[in-house]
């Protein structure tokens, strides 16, 4: 299948400043969910009772990871287009591991050197070493930090994309790959719902709960790159429908576990949130949402991954120290600012230097060659 003519709105594969902002907002949403709704053991109280006016909105921050997954589908397809397997693997290793290892060290230090007990995974040194591989779930080892769960989904997505890279990335092959993946996700969901077949290995590979987000992001990149023909839009629509089902189920599990009083999120608000995510991403793919690149947006995009990784351990270290000395809202703000400041330090003085050191050298850019945004917008 040949790609349609390039649309007028397409801007090539240069840096998309709007993705930097969306990624930062997604990380901020996850932080708000944890700080204002989820972290009862950190506060020593139910956060939803401390922030009753904010809790219904902050609770929707649980879906910030779903936004990350759609962005990942979009950007990783951008990354692999025209690149070989070695370049793709190297880019992912350099992007994922430096900040991750630093966050793992921070988690081990907080629980090993202080009396912190909230969210303690209670891991042995060997289990921390297994976490360093990022494949701990494959070995049935507990995540050192609760936020690491999404990285396992990202890694499996990368492995599936590696298969596509080996086959060869073309417009037609991406359409086939995306369609087969969505069909498989739907099939697994239907068979499980009918209690006819439900295999853990198949679930791990197909990822029926998260595939719709990744696949929709890939389809949106095809629309961004080649224009909005009917089949990519059909995939976006299918991804949207399956995503609604997955999001409602995920939030319902949280509500059932915590109680509606402590997780005051309704089904209607979940549907509205997922719809808004898909609408914004569609408008961005069409070029109808455009932001001028700036150092501020680049920095916000850059600190997103460290912020996602570090905000939990910062909460464990800071919130108990401030509770009782500051009102809850001030404690939450100071903790969030501390997490953001630490993330900027990690991004500026650890992550970027390590990435520059490990990245292969590229030819010098010219004024007509845009900076490609492939390393900064793929993971939380």
Protein backbone atom coordinates (compact mmCIF):
# COMPACT_ATOMS: atom_id res chain seq x y z
CA UNK A 1 0.00 0.00 0.00
CA UNK A 2 1.41 3.34 -1.03
CA UNK A 3 1.37 6.32 1.28
CA UNK A 4 -0.95 9.17 0.31
CA UNK A 5 0.49 12.52 -0.64
CA UNK A 6 2.00 14.49 2.19
CA UNK A 7 -0.58 16.91 3.67
CA UNK A 8 -0.04 20.63 3.63
CA UNK A 9 -0.17 20.84 7.42
CA UNK A 10 2.71 18.41 7.95
CA UNK A 11 5.89 19.96 9.27
CA UNK A 12 8.24 17.07 8.64
CA UNK A 13 9.65 15.17 11.58
CA UNK A 14 11.02 18.18 13.36
CA UNK A 15 10.53 18.95 17.04
CA UNK A 16 6.89 19.28 18.02
CA UNK A 17 6.80 21.72 20.92
CA UNK A 18 3.20 20.81 21.68
CA UNK A 19 4.33 17.28 22.54
CA UNK A 20 6.72 18.68 25.13
CA UNK A 21 3.83 20.49 26.79
CA UNK A 22 1.48 17.50 26.59
CA UNK A 23 4.07 15.19 28.13
CA UNK A 24 4.67 17.62 30.99
CA UNK A 25 0.93 17.97 31.60
CA UNK A 26 0.61 14.17 31.64
CA UNK A 27 3.36 13.89 34.26
CA UNK A 28 1.76 16.69 36.27
CA UNK A 29 -1.56 14.84 36.13
CA UNK A 30 0.04 11.66 37.50
CA UNK A 31 1.75 13.68 40.24
CA UNK A 32 -1.57 15.32 41.18
CA UNK A 33 -3.27 11.94 41.34
CA UNK A 34 -0.63 10.53 43.66
CA UNK A 35 -0.22 13.59 45.89
CA UNK A 36 -3.88 14.60 46.17
CA UNK A 37 -5.68 11.24 45.99
CA UNK A 38 -3.57 8.10 46.18
CA UNK A 39 -0.78 8.44 48.75
CA UNK A 40 -2.66 7.87 52.01
CA UNK A 41 0.29 6.10 53.63
CA UNK A 42 2.56 9.04 52.81
CA UNK A 43 0.19 11.64 54.29
CA UNK A 44 -0.96 9.50 57.19
CA UNK A 45 -4.47 10.49 56.14
CA UNK A 46 -6.76 10.15 53.16
CA UNK A 47 -5.65 12.79 50.62
CA UNK A 48 -9.15 13.01 49.14
CA UNK A 49 -10.35 14.24 52.54
CA UNK A 50 -7.51 16.76 52.74
CA UNK A 51 -8.27 18.09 49.24
CA UNK A 52 -12.02 17.46 48.77
CA UNK A 53 -12.49 20.13 46.11
CA UNK A 54 -9.56 18.92 43.99
CA UNK A 55 -9.91 15.16 44.42
CA UNK A 56 -12.54 14.54 41.66
CA UNK A 57 -10.26 16.24 39.10
CA UNK A 58 -6.95 15.03 40.53
CA UNK A 59 -8.31 11.49 40.52
CA UNK A 60 -8.47 11.66 36.74
CA UNK A 61 -4.70 12.16 36.79
CA UNK A 62 -4.48 8.38 36.90
CA UNK A 63 -5.11 8.60 33.14
CA UNK A 64 -1.98 10.68 32.58
CA UNK A 65 -0.16 7.42 31.84
CA UNK A 66 -2.67 6.65 29.09
CA UNK A 67 -1.78 9.98 27.47
CA UNK A 68 1.87 8.98 27.72
CA UNK A 69 1.09 5.75 25.87
CA UNK A 70 -0.62 7.56 22.98
CA UNK A 71 2.29 10.00 22.71
CA UNK A 72 4.66 7.04 22.80
CA UNK A 73 2.89 5.35 19.89
CA UNK A 74 3.15 8.58 17.90
CA UNK A 75 6.78 9.35 18.69
CA UNK A 76 8.25 5.86 18.59
CA UNK A 77 6.88 5.38 15.09
CA UNK A 78 8.50 8.71 14.22
CA UNK A 79 11.70 7.37 15.77
CA UNK A 80 11.88 4.12 13.83
CA UNK A 81 10.94 5.54 10.44
CA UNK A 82 14.05 5.28 8.32
CA UNK A 83 16.21 3.84 11.11
CA UNK A 84 17.71 0.39 11.61
CA UNK A 85 17.26 -1.94 14.56
CA UNK A 86 20.63 -1.04 16.09
CA UNK A 87 19.95 2.69 16.04
CA UNK A 88 16.48 2.16 17.51
CA UNK A 89 17.74 -0.09 20.31
CA UNK A 90 20.56 2.30 21.18
CA UNK A 91 18.23 5.29 21.26
CA UNK A 92 15.87 3.51 23.66
CA UNK A 93 18.65 2.35 25.97
CA UNK A 94 20.14 5.83 26.15
CA UNK A 95 16.72 7.38 26.69
CA UNK A 96 15.38 4.99 29.31
CA UNK A 97 18.13 3.85 31.61
CA UNK A 98 20.21 6.80 32.94
CA UNK A 99 17.35 8.56 34.76
CA UNK A 100 15.82 5.22 35.71
CA UNK A 101 19.00 4.02 37.41
CA UNK A 102 19.31 7.31 39.28
CA UNK A 103 15.73 7.03 40.50
CA UNK A 104 16.35 3.44 41.58
CA UNK A 105 19.38 4.56 43.58
CA UNK A 106 17.26 7.29 45.18
CA UNK A 107 14.57 4.77 46.15
CA UNK A 108 17.11 2.36 47.64
CA UNK A 109 18.79 5.22 49.53
CA UNK A 110 15.56 6.57 51.02
CA UNK A 111 14.46 3.19 52.34
CA UNK A 112 17.94 2.00 53.23
CA UNK A 113 19.25 5.11 54.98
CA UNK A 114 16.12 6.59 56.57
CA UNK A 115 13.21 5.29 58.56
CA UNK A 116 10.76 5.85 55.72
CA UNK A 117 8.02 3.23 55.63
CA UNK A 118 5.37 4.61 53.26
CA UNK A 119 5.27 2.81 49.90
CA UNK A 120 8.27 0.71 50.96
CA UNK A 121 8.63 -2.20 48.50
CA UNK A 122 10.76 -4.09 51.08
CA UNK A 123 13.21 -5.44 48.53
CA UNK A 124 16.43 -7.28 49.10
CA UNK A 125 19.68 -6.02 47.50
CA UNK A 126 19.32 -8.74 44.88
CA UNK A 127 15.81 -7.61 44.04
CA UNK A 128 17.03 -4.04 43.61
CA UNK A 129 19.63 -5.39 41.17
CA UNK A 130 16.90 -7.19 39.24
CA UNK A 131 14.99 -3.88 39.13
CA UNK A 132 18.06 -2.32 37.52
CA UNK A 133 17.37 -4.40 34.41
CA UNK A 134 13.87 -2.88 34.13
CA UNK A 135 12.64 -6.42 33.40
CA UNK A 136 11.75 -7.19 37.02
CA UNK A 137 8.15 -8.05 36.17
CA UNK A 138 9.39 -10.73 33.81
CA UNK A 139 11.10 -12.34 36.81
CA UNK A 140 8.09 -11.80 39.12
CA UNK A 141 10.03 -9.29 41.27
CA UNK A 142 8.18 -6.34 42.83
CA UNK A 143 8.76 -2.90 41.31
CA UNK A 144 11.04 -0.78 43.51
CA UNK A 145 8.69 2.14 42.83
CA UNK A 146 5.02 1.94 41.98
CA UNK A 147 5.47 4.19 38.96
CA UNK A 148 7.73 1.65 37.26
CA UNK A 149 4.75 -0.44 36.13
CA UNK A 150 4.24 1.64 32.99
CA UNK A 151 7.84 1.10 31.88
CA UNK A 152 7.14 -2.62 31.51
CA UNK A 153 4.33 -1.75 29.09
CA UNK A 154 6.69 0.60 27.22
CA UNK A 155 9.38 -2.08 26.97
CA UNK A 156 6.94 -4.59 25.50
CA UNK A 157 5.81 -1.98 23.00
CA UNK A 158 9.44 -1.38 22.01
CA UNK A 159 9.95 -5.10 21.48
CA UNK A 160 6.91 -5.23 19.19
CA UNK A 161 8.21 -2.19 17.32
CA UNK A 162 11.59 -3.92 16.94
CA UNK A 163 9.79 -6.67 15.01
CA UNK A 164 8.30 -4.02 12.74
CA UNK A 165 11.74 -2.47 12.24
CA UNK A 166 13.17 -5.87 11.26
CA UNK A 167 10.34 -6.37 8.75
CA UNK A 168 10.79 -2.84 7.45
CA UNK A 169 8.83 0.31 8.26
CA UNK A 170 6.60 1.41 5.41
CA UNK A 171 3.18 3.03 5.34
CA UNK A 172 1.46 -0.21 4.32
CA UNK A 173 3.29 -2.37 6.81
CA UNK A 174 2.53 0.03 9.66
CA UNK A 175 -1.15 -0.07 8.72
CA UNK A 176 -1.09 -3.88 8.69
CA UNK A 177 0.82 -4.09 11.98
CA UNK A 178 -1.51 -1.63 13.70
CA UNK A 179 -4.66 -3.32 12.40
CA UNK A 180 -3.52 -6.78 13.44
CA UNK A 181 -2.55 -5.52 16.90
CA UNK A 182 -5.91 -3.81 17.45
CA UNK A 183 -7.76 -6.91 16.24
CA UNK A 184 -5.72 -9.10 18.58
CA UNK A 185 -6.41 -6.76 21.52
CA UNK A 186 -10.15 -6.85 20.78
CA UNK A 187 -10.07 -10.62 20.41
CA UNK A 188 -8.31 -11.15 23.73
CA UNK A 189 -10.77 -8.83 25.47
CA UNK A 190 -13.81 -10.58 24.00
CA UNK A 191 -12.54 -14.09 24.74
CA UNK A 192 -11.68 -13.14 28.32
CA UNK A 193 -15.07 -11.47 28.83
CA UNK A 194 -16.81 -14.61 27.55
CA UNK A 195 -14.55 -16.75 29.77
CA UNK A 196 -13.54 -18.79 26.71
CA UNK A 197 -9.79 -18.15 26.77
CA UNK A 198 -7.48 -16.05 28.90
CA UNK A 199 -3.76 -16.82 28.77
CA UNK A 200 -1.27 -14.74 30.77
CA UNK A 201 1.49 -15.07 28.15
CA UNK A 202 -0.83 -13.89 25.37
CA UNK A 203 -1.95 -10.97 27.53
CA UNK A 204 1.66 -9.98 28.21
CA UNK A 205 2.41 -9.93 24.48
CA UNK A 206 -0.81 -8.39 23.13
CA UNK A 207 -1.39 -5.97 26.05
CA UNK A 208 -5.13 -5.66 25.37
CA UNK A 209 -5.56 -2.91 27.97
CA UNK A 210 -2.79 -0.68 26.59
CA UNK A 211 -2.50 -1.65 22.92
CA UNK A 212 -5.36 0.71 21.93
CA UNK A 213 -3.39 3.73 23.16
CA UNK A 214 -0.13 2.79 21.44
CA UNK A 215 -1.92 1.80 18.23
CA UNK A 216 -3.96 5.01 18.16
CA UNK A 217 -0.77 7.02 18.59
CA UNK A 218 0.81 5.18 15.66
CA UNK A 219 -2.23 5.84 13.48
CA UNK A 220 -2.15 9.51 14.45
CA UNK A 221 1.48 9.72 13.38
CA UNK A 222 0.53 8.30 9.96
CA UNK A 223 -2.14 10.99 9.74
CA UNK A 224 0.40 13.64 10.75
CA UNK A 225 2.99 12.41 8.27
CA UNK A 226 0.85 11.38 5.31
CA UNK A 227 -2.60 12.86 5.75
CA UNK A 228 -5.93 11.66 7.06
CA UNK A 229 -7.04 8.78 4.85
CA UNK A 230 -9.92 6.66 6.13
CA UNK A 231 -8.01 3.62 7.43
CA UNK A 232 -5.76 5.43 9.95
CA UNK A 233 -8.81 7.30 11.22
CA UNK A 234 -10.65 3.98 11.56
CA UNK A 235 -7.78 2.76 13.74
CA UNK A 236 -7.97 5.91 15.85
CA UNK A 237 -11.71 5.37 16.30
CA UNK A 238 -11.19 1.71 17.21
CA UNK A 239 -8.42 2.66 19.61
CA UNK A 240 -10.71 5.24 21.19
CA UNK A 241 -13.51 2.72 21.75
CA UNK A 242 -11.18 0.11 23.24
CA UNK A 243 -9.46 2.78 25.34
CA UNK A 244 -12.76 3.83 26.90
CA UNK A 245 -13.35 0.24 27.97
CA UNK A 246 -9.81 -0.12 29.37
CA UNK A 247 -9.86 3.23 31.18
CA UNK A 248 -13.24 2.58 32.80
CA UNK A 249 -12.05 -0.82 34.00
CA UNK A 250 -8.77 0.52 35.39
CA UNK A 251 -10.42 3.37 37.27
CA UNK A 252 -13.19 1.05 38.52
CA UNK A 253 -10.55 -1.26 40.03
CA UNK A 254 -9.07 1.70 41.86
CA UNK A 255 -12.47 2.90 43.09
CA UNK A 256 -13.34 -0.61 44.28
CA UNK A 257 -10.05 -0.89 46.16
CA UNK A 258 -10.12 2.55 47.82
CA UNK A 259 -13.84 3.32 47.95
CA UNK A 260 -15.56 6.14 46.07
CA UNK A 261 -15.04 8.54 48.95
CA UNK A 262 -11.28 8.17 48.60
CA UNK A 263 -11.29 7.97 44.79
CA UNK A 264 -14.21 10.21 43.78
CA UNK A 265 -14.05 9.64 40.02
CA UNK A 266 -17.18 8.87 38.00
CA UNK A 267 -17.51 6.89 34.77
CA UNK A 268 -18.74 10.00 32.98
CA UNK A 269 -15.63 11.96 33.93
CA UNK A 270 -13.41 9.10 32.71
CA UNK A 271 -15.15 9.08 29.32
CA UNK A 272 -14.80 12.86 29.08
CA UNK A 273 -11.10 12.68 29.99
CA UNK A 274 -10.28 9.97 27.42
CA UNK A 275 -12.32 11.81 24.79
CA UNK A 276 -10.41 15.02 25.50
CA UNK A 277 -7.09 13.19 25.22
CA UNK A 278 -8.01 11.75 21.82
CA UNK A 279 -9.39 15.07 20.56
CA UNK A 280 -6.26 16.99 21.56
CA UNK A 281 -3.94 14.37 20.06
CA UNK A 282 -6.00 14.34 16.84
CA UNK A 283 -5.86 18.11 16.54
CA UNK A 284 -2.12 17.98 17.08
CA UNK A 285 -1.71 15.28 14.42
CA UNK A 286 -3.68 17.43 11.98
CA UNK A 287 -1.46 20.43 12.71
CA UNK A 288 -4.32 22.43 14.20
CA UNK A 289 -2.54 22.77 17.56
CA UNK A 290 0.86 24.32 17.08
CA UNK A 291 3.26 25.84 19.55
CA UNK A 292 6.44 27.68 18.75
CA UNK A 293 9.47 25.79 20.09
CA UNK A 294 11.12 27.49 23.04
CA UNK A 295 13.69 26.72 25.70
CA UNK A 296 10.93 26.63 28.30
CA UNK A 297 8.90 24.01 26.45
CA UNK A 298 12.03 22.00 25.68
CA UNK A 299 12.96 22.04 29.39
CA UNK A 300 9.43 21.02 30.40
CA UNK A 301 9.56 18.13 27.97
CA UNK A 302 13.04 17.24 29.20
CA UNK A 303 12.14 17.03 32.88
CA UNK A 304 9.00 14.97 32.26
CA UNK A 305 10.63 11.54 32.49
CA UNK A 306 12.66 12.36 35.64
CA UNK A 307 9.59 13.97 37.20
CA UNK A 308 7.58 10.82 36.57
CA UNK A 309 10.33 8.64 38.05
CA UNK A 310 11.24 10.79 41.07
CA UNK A 311 7.99 12.35 42.28
CA UNK A 312 7.04 9.31 44.39
CA UNK A 313 10.31 9.05 46.27
CA UNK A 314 10.31 12.82 46.80
CA UNK A 315 6.83 12.55 48.32
CA UNK A 316 7.99 9.80 50.68
CA UNK A 317 10.94 11.92 51.81
CA UNK A 318 9.31 15.36 51.99
CA UNK A 319 5.61 15.12 52.85
CA UNK A 320 6.05 13.48 56.30
CA UNK A 321 8.63 16.16 57.21
CA UNK A 322 6.25 19.00 56.37
CA UNK A 323 2.99 17.51 57.64
CA UNK A 324 2.01 19.27 60.84
CA UNK A 325 4.21 22.28 60.07
CA UNK A 326 2.43 23.50 56.92
CA UNK A 327 -1.18 23.26 55.77
CA UNK A 328 -1.80 20.37 53.35
CA UNK A 329 -2.03 22.59 50.26
CA UNK A 330 1.32 24.23 51.05
CA UNK A 331 2.89 20.83 51.72
CA UNK A 332 1.67 19.54 48.36
CA UNK A 333 2.99 22.61 46.51
CA UNK A 334 6.40 22.53 48.20
CA UNK A 335 6.72 18.81 47.51
CA UNK A 336 5.76 19.23 43.86
CA UNK A 337 8.24 22.09 43.42
CA UNK A 338 10.94 20.00 45.09
CA UNK A 339 10.22 17.12 42.72
CA UNK A 340 10.33 19.48 39.73
CA UNK A 341 13.61 21.06 40.87
CA UNK A 342 15.22 17.66 41.43
CA UNK A 343 13.98 16.51 38.03
CA UNK A 344 15.53 19.54 36.37
CA UNK A 345 18.86 18.82 38.07
CA UNK A 346 18.72 15.20 36.95
CA UNK A 347 17.82 16.25 33.41
CA UNK A 348 20.48 18.98 33.16
CA UNK A 349 23.44 17.51 35.02
CA UNK A 350 23.00 13.76 34.71
CA UNK A 351 20.60 12.64 32.01
CA UNK A 352 21.62 15.00 29.20
CA UNK A 353 25.41 14.60 29.71
CA UNK A 354 25.08 10.81 29.83
CA UNK A 355 22.91 10.79 26.72
CA UNK A 356 25.36 13.03 24.86
CA UNK A 357 28.19 10.72 25.86
CA UNK A 358 26.44 7.55 24.75
CA UNK A 359 24.68 8.78 21.62
CA UNK A 360 26.41 8.11 18.30
CA UNK A 361 27.64 11.25 16.60
CA UNK A 362 25.50 12.60 13.81
CA UNK A 363 26.36 14.82 10.90
CA UNK A 364 26.32 18.53 11.68
CA UNK A 365 22.86 20.01 11.23
CA UNK A 366 22.22 22.59 8.59
CA UNK A 367 19.65 25.34 8.64
CA UNK A 368 17.36 23.21 6.46
CA UNK A 369 17.60 20.10 8.62
CA UNK A 370 15.14 20.16 11.53
CA UNK A 371 16.04 18.78 14.94
CA UNK A 372 14.25 15.48 15.21
CA UNK A 373 12.17 14.97 18.30
CA UNK A 374 12.63 11.27 18.85
CA UNK A 375 14.43 10.99 22.17
CA UNK A 376 12.37 13.28 24.38
CA UNK A 377 8.77 12.35 23.92
CA UNK A 378 8.41 8.61 24.15
CA UNK A 379 8.33 7.65 27.80
CA UNK A 380 6.69 9.10 30.89
